Amino acid sequence: MDDYAQLVIKEAVAAAKAGQRLRARELLLELVETEPGNELAWLWLSRFLPTLREQIAALETVLRLNPTHQKAQQRLHQLKTHQTALQAEQQTRLTDYLHTARQFLAQGEKEQARHLLLKLVEEDEKNETAWWLLSESMDGVEDQVVA
């Protein structure tokens, strides 16, 4: 790694320690843009990216560059485990929304059902059952067709 890259990484780490995570991310993004093969920059960048998906992608880049990078392997394993747990939690929540919405519909409480179903399709826009039930909770024919 050249002196410039070391300096940028050092500055990014200092920025992060000073609570300037956005600055750290900006520095590292610029570095990986100019040096896409810099595995250390990608490793550090993975710590400052806003989404789990982006963090995982950065670590996967490290491992494409160096398949035996232990820190990247460990961190990737942690993030994927966390991602799986979050997905399971989301699925449970969405299933609960669907179940509760069905109960509301059975009781004739369309507004409460509609509220839950709108939240559900916001999180899972491909959930056909939610869309179908949403159409049943709509009062107007036009809204039913849209759903």
C-alpha atoms as a PDB file:
ATOM      1  CA  MET A   1       0.000   0.000   0.000  1.00  0.00           C
ATOM      2  CA  ASP A   2       1.368   3.393  -0.933  1.00  0.00           C
ATOM      3  CA  ASP A   3       1.917   6.355   1.400  1.00  0.00           C
ATOM      4  CA  TYR A   4      -1.165   8.190   0.102  1.00  0.00           C
ATOM      5  CA  ALA A   5      -3.454   5.260   0.892  1.00  0.00           C
ATOM      6  CA  GLN A   6      -1.944   4.856   4.367  1.00  0.00           C
ATOM      7  CA  LEU A   7      -2.449   8.567   5.026  1.00  0.00           C
ATOM      8  CA  VAL A   8      -6.085   8.482   3.902  1.00  0.00           C
ATOM      9  CA  ILE A   9      -6.838   5.423   6.024  1.00  0.00           C
ATOM     10  CA  LYS A  10      -5.139   7.003   9.022  1.00  0.00           C
ATOM     11  CA  GLU A  11      -7.167  10.200   8.506  1.00  0.00           C
ATOM     12  CA  ALA A  12     -10.379   8.211   8.137  1.00  0.00           C
ATOM     13  CA  VAL A  13      -9.737   6.289  11.357  1.00  0.00           C
ATOM     14  CA  ALA A  14      -8.963   9.539  13.184  1.00  0.00           C
ATOM     15  CA  ALA A  15     -12.174  11.077  11.853  1.00  0.00           C
ATOM     16  CA  ALA A  16     -14.159   8.059  13.032  1.00  0.00           C
ATOM     17  CA  LYS A  17     -12.598   8.214  16.486  1.00  0.00           C
ATOM     18  CA  ALA A  18     -13.572  11.897  16.623  1.00  0.00           C
ATOM     19  CA  GLY A  19     -17.179  10.915  15.904  1.00  0.00           C
ATOM     20  CA  GLN A  20     -17.055  11.983  12.264  1.00  0.00           C
ATOM     21  CA  ARG A  21     -18.222   8.734  10.689  1.00  0.00           C
ATOM     22  CA  LEU A  22     -19.561  10.464   7.590  1.00  0.00           C
ATOM     23  CA  ARG A  23     -16.172  12.066   6.957  1.00  0.00           C
ATOM     24  CA  ALA A  24     -14.465   8.705   7.461  1.00  0.00           C
ATOM     25  CA  ARG A  25     -16.824   7.098   4.967  1.00  0.00           C
ATOM     26  CA  GLU A  26     -16.272   9.873   2.409  1.00  0.00           C
ATOM     27  CA  LEU A  27     -12.488   9.515   2.649  1.00  0.00           C
ATOM     28  CA  LEU A  28     -12.630   5.756   2.259  1.00  0.00           C
ATOM     29  CA  LEU A  29     -15.102   5.913  -0.615  1.00  0.00           C
ATOM     30  CA  GLU A  30     -12.751   8.244  -2.462  1.00  0.00           C
ATOM     31  CA  LEU A  31      -9.848   5.895  -1.761  1.00  0.00           C
ATOM     32  CA  VAL A  32     -11.581   2.752  -3.017  1.00  0.00           C
ATOM     33  CA  GLU A  33     -12.674   4.666  -6.090  1.00  0.00           C
ATOM     34  CA  THR A  34      -9.069   5.479  -6.944  1.00  0.00           C
ATOM     35  CA  GLU A  35      -7.649   2.213  -5.558  1.00  0.00           C
ATOM     36  CA  PRO A  36     -10.351  -0.464  -5.940  1.00  0.00           C
ATOM     37  CA  GLY A  37      -7.836  -3.167  -5.034  1.00  0.00           C
ATOM     38  CA  ASN A  38      -7.076  -1.735  -1.595  1.00  0.00           C
ATOM     39  CA  GLU A  39      -8.417  -4.422   0.728  1.00  0.00           C
ATOM     40  CA  LEU A  40      -7.656  -2.470   3.913  1.00  0.00           C
ATOM     41  CA  ALA A  41      -9.670   0.497   2.651  1.00  0.00           C
ATOM     42  CA  TRP A  42     -12.606  -1.804   1.853  1.00  0.00           C
ATOM     43  CA  LEU A  43     -12.311  -3.423   5.284  1.00  0.00           C
ATOM     44  CA  TRP A  44     -12.434  -0.065   7.065  1.00  0.00           C
ATOM     45  CA  LEU A  45     -15.163   1.183   4.755  1.00  0.00           C
ATOM     46  CA  SER A  46     -17.351  -1.754   5.745  1.00  0.00           C
ATOM     47  CA  ARG A  47     -17.497  -0.257   9.252  1.00  0.00           C
ATOM     48  CA  PHE A  48     -18.905   3.066   8.054  1.00  0.00           C
ATOM     49  CA  LEU A  49     -21.446   2.120   5.418  1.00  0.00           C
ATOM     50  CA  PRO A  50     -25.063   2.848   6.356  1.00  0.00           C
ATOM     51  CA  THR A  51     -26.752  -0.433   5.467  1.00  0.00           C
ATOM     52  CA  LEU A  52     -26.082  -4.037   6.313  1.00  0.00           C
ATOM     53  CA  ARG A  53     -26.259  -4.925   2.620  1.00  0.00           C
ATOM     54  CA  GLU A  54     -23.536  -2.368   1.781  1.00  0.00           C
ATOM     55  CA  GLN A  55     -21.348  -3.517   4.670  1.00  0.00           C
ATOM     56  CA  ILE A  56     -21.618  -7.118   3.493  1.00  0.00           C
ATOM     57  CA  ALA A  57     -20.796  -6.094  -0.090  1.00  0.00           C
ATOM     58  CA  ALA A  58     -17.659  -4.258   1.076  1.00  0.00           C
ATOM     59  CA  LEU A  59     -16.487  -7.302   3.024  1.00  0.00           C
ATOM     60  CA  GLU A  60     -17.190  -9.547   0.065  1.00  0.00           C
ATOM     61  CA  THR A  61     -14.954  -7.234  -1.969  1.00  0.00           C
ATOM     62  CA  VAL A  62     -12.181  -7.696   0.592  1.00  0.00           C
ATOM     63  CA  LEU A  63     -12.569 -11.455   0.264  1.00  0.00           C
ATOM     64  CA  ARG A  64     -12.516 -11.315  -3.540  1.00  0.00           C
ATOM     65  CA  LEU A  65      -9.219  -9.468  -3.227  1.00  0.00           C
ATOM     66  CA  ASN A  66      -7.899 -11.753  -0.489  1.00  0.00           C
ATOM     67  CA  PRO A  67      -9.967 -14.901   0.161  1.00  0.00           C
ATOM     68  CA  THR A  68      -7.965 -15.733   3.297  1.00  0.00           C
ATOM     69  CA  HIS A  69      -8.457 -12.382   5.064  1.00  0.00           C
ATOM     70  CA  GLN A  70      -9.485 -13.589   8.532  1.00  0.00           C
ATOM     71  CA  LYS A  71     -10.897 -10.326   9.900  1.00  0.00           C
ATOM     72  CA  ALA A  72     -13.088  -9.920   6.828  1.00  0.00           C
ATOM     73  CA  GLN A  73     -14.242 -13.546   7.094  1.00  0.00           C
ATOM     74  CA  GLN A  74     -15.123 -13.132  10.770  1.00  0.00           C
ATOM     75  CA  ARG A  75     -16.910  -9.820  10.301  1.00  0.00           C
ATOM     76  CA  LEU A  76     -18.795 -11.132   7.266  1.00  0.00           C
ATOM     77  CA  HIS A  77     -19.941 -14.154   9.264  1.00  0.00           C
ATOM     78  CA  GLN A  78     -21.156 -11.853  12.079  1.00  0.00           C
ATOM     79  CA  LEU A  79     -23.030  -9.592   9.671  1.00  0.00           C
ATOM     80  CA  LYS A  80     -24.656 -12.453   7.790  1.00  0.00           C
ATOM     81  CA  THR A  81     -25.751 -14.022  11.078  1.00  0.00           C
ATOM     82  CA  HIS A  82     -27.221 -10.672  12.099  1.00  0.00           C
ATOM     83  CA  GLN A  83     -28.884 -10.299   8.697  1.00  0.00           C
ATOM     84  CA  THR A  84     -30.483 -13.735   9.015  1.00  0.00           C
ATOM     85  CA  ALA A  85     -31.802 -12.874  12.470  1.00  0.00           C
ATOM     86  CA  LEU A  86     -33.241  -9.589  11.202  1.00  0.00           C
ATOM     87  CA  GLN A  87     -34.912 -11.332   8.275  1.00  0.00           C
ATOM     88  CA  ALA A  88     -36.468 -13.906  10.585  1.00  0.00           C
ATOM     89  CA  GLU A  89     -37.676 -11.137  12.891  1.00  0.00           C
ATOM     90  CA  GLN A  90     -39.162  -9.255   9.950  1.00  0.00           C
ATOM     91  CA  GLN A  91     -40.901 -12.375   8.661  1.00  0.00           C
ATOM     92  CA  THR A  92     -42.421 -13.004  12.092  1.00  0.00           C
ATOM     93  CA  ARG A  93     -43.620  -9.405  12.292  1.00  0.00           C
ATOM     94  CA  LEU A  94     -45.143  -9.533   8.811  1.00  0.00           C
ATOM     95  CA  THR A  95     -46.859 -12.834   9.574  1.00  0.00           C
ATOM     96  CA  ASP A  96     -48.293 -11.284  12.748  1.00  0.00           C
ATOM     97  CA  TYR A  97     -49.545  -8.279  10.742  1.00  0.00           C
ATOM     98  CA  LEU A  98     -51.242 -10.611   8.272  1.00  0.00           C
ATOM     99  CA  HIS A  99     -52.855 -12.702  11.008  1.00  0.00           C
ATOM    100  CA  THR A 100     -54.103  -9.639  12.892  1.00  0.00           C
ATOM    101  CA  ALA A 101     -55.390  -8.017   9.693  1.00  0.00           C
ATOM    102  CA  ARG A 102     -57.381 -11.176   8.914  1.00  0.00           C
ATOM    103  CA  GLN A 103     -58.894 -11.029  12.401  1.00  0.00           C
ATOM    104  CA  PHE A 104     -59.833  -7.378  11.922  1.00  0.00           C
ATOM    105  CA  LEU A 105     -61.469  -8.193   8.580  1.00  0.00           C
ATOM    106  CA  ALA A 106     -63.395 -11.095  10.117  1.00  0.00           C
ATOM    107  CA  GLN A 107     -64.693  -8.690  12.767  1.00  0.00           C
ATOM    108  CA  GLY A 108     -65.647  -6.104  10.144  1.00  0.00           C
ATOM    109  CA  GLU A 109     -62.950  -3.670  11.271  1.00  0.00           C
ATOM    110  CA  LYS A 110     -61.736  -2.724   7.800  1.00  0.00           C
ATOM    111  CA  GLU A 111     -59.931   0.467   8.803  1.00  0.00           C
ATOM    112  CA  GLN A 112     -57.694  -1.312  11.339  1.00  0.00           C
ATOM    113  CA  ALA A 113     -57.033  -4.111   8.831  1.00  0.00           C
ATOM    114  CA  ARG A 114     -56.207  -1.591   6.113  1.00  0.00           C
ATOM    115  CA  HIS A 115     -53.744   0.206   8.404  1.00  0.00           C
ATOM    116  CA  LEU A 116     -51.835  -3.022   9.138  1.00  0.00           C
ATOM    117  CA  LEU A 117     -51.929  -4.205   5.549  1.00  0.00           C
ATOM    118  CA  LEU A 118     -50.558  -0.899   4.285  1.00  0.00           C
ATOM    119  CA  LYS A 119     -47.646  -1.252   6.713  1.00  0.00           C
ATOM    120  CA  LEU A 120     -47.133  -4.814   5.534  1.00  0.00           C
ATOM    121  CA  VAL A 121     -47.037  -4.016   1.811  1.00  0.00           C
ATOM    122  CA  GLU A 122     -44.727  -1.098   2.538  1.00  0.00           C
ATOM    123  CA  GLU A 123     -42.212  -3.585   3.958  1.00  0.00           C
ATOM    124  CA  ASP A 124     -42.996  -6.449   1.582  1.00  0.00           C
ATOM    125  CA  GLU A 125     -44.434  -5.060  -1.626  1.00  0.00           C
ATOM    126  CA  LYS A 126     -44.524  -8.498  -3.274  1.00  0.00           C
ATOM    127  CA  ASN A 127     -46.780 -10.065  -0.649  1.00  0.00           C
ATOM    128  CA  GLU A 128     -49.744 -11.130  -2.785  1.00  0.00           C
ATOM    129  CA  THR A 129     -51.847 -12.208   0.187  1.00  0.00           C
ATOM    130  CA  ALA A 130     -51.467  -8.792   1.788  1.00  0.00           C
ATOM    131  CA  TRP A 131     -52.473  -7.068  -1.461  1.00  0.00           C
ATOM    132  CA  TRP A 132     -55.486  -9.354  -1.817  1.00  0.00           C
ATOM    133  CA  LEU A 133     -56.630  -8.660   1.748  1.00  0.00           C
ATOM    134  CA  LEU A 134     -55.947  -4.972   1.234  1.00  0.00           C
ATOM    135  CA  SER A 135     -58.300  -4.994  -1.736  1.00  0.00           C
ATOM    136  CA  GLU A 136     -60.938  -6.587   0.522  1.00  0.00           C
ATOM    137  CA  SER A 137     -60.450  -3.855   3.109  1.00  0.00           C
ATOM    138  CA  MET A 138     -61.017  -1.025   0.630  1.00  0.00           C
ATOM    139  CA  ASP A 139     -64.413   0.649   0.483  1.00  0.00           C
ATOM    140  CA  GLY A 140     -64.401   1.886  -3.099  1.00  0.00           C
ATOM    141  CA  VAL A 141     -64.245  -0.322  -6.173  1.00  0.00           C
ATOM    142  CA  GLU A 142     -61.521   1.856  -7.678  1.00  0.00           C
ATOM    143  CA  ASP A 143     -59.324   1.406  -4.599  1.00  0.00           C
ATOM    144  CA  GLN A 144     -60.035  -2.336  -4.647  1.00  0.00           C
ATOM    145  CA  VAL A 145     -58.846  -2.564  -8.247  1.00  0.00           C
ATOM    146  CA  VAL A 146     -55.672  -0.596  -7.468  1.00  0.00           C
ATOM    147  CA  ALA A 147     -54.848  -2.926  -4.586  1.00  0.00           C
END
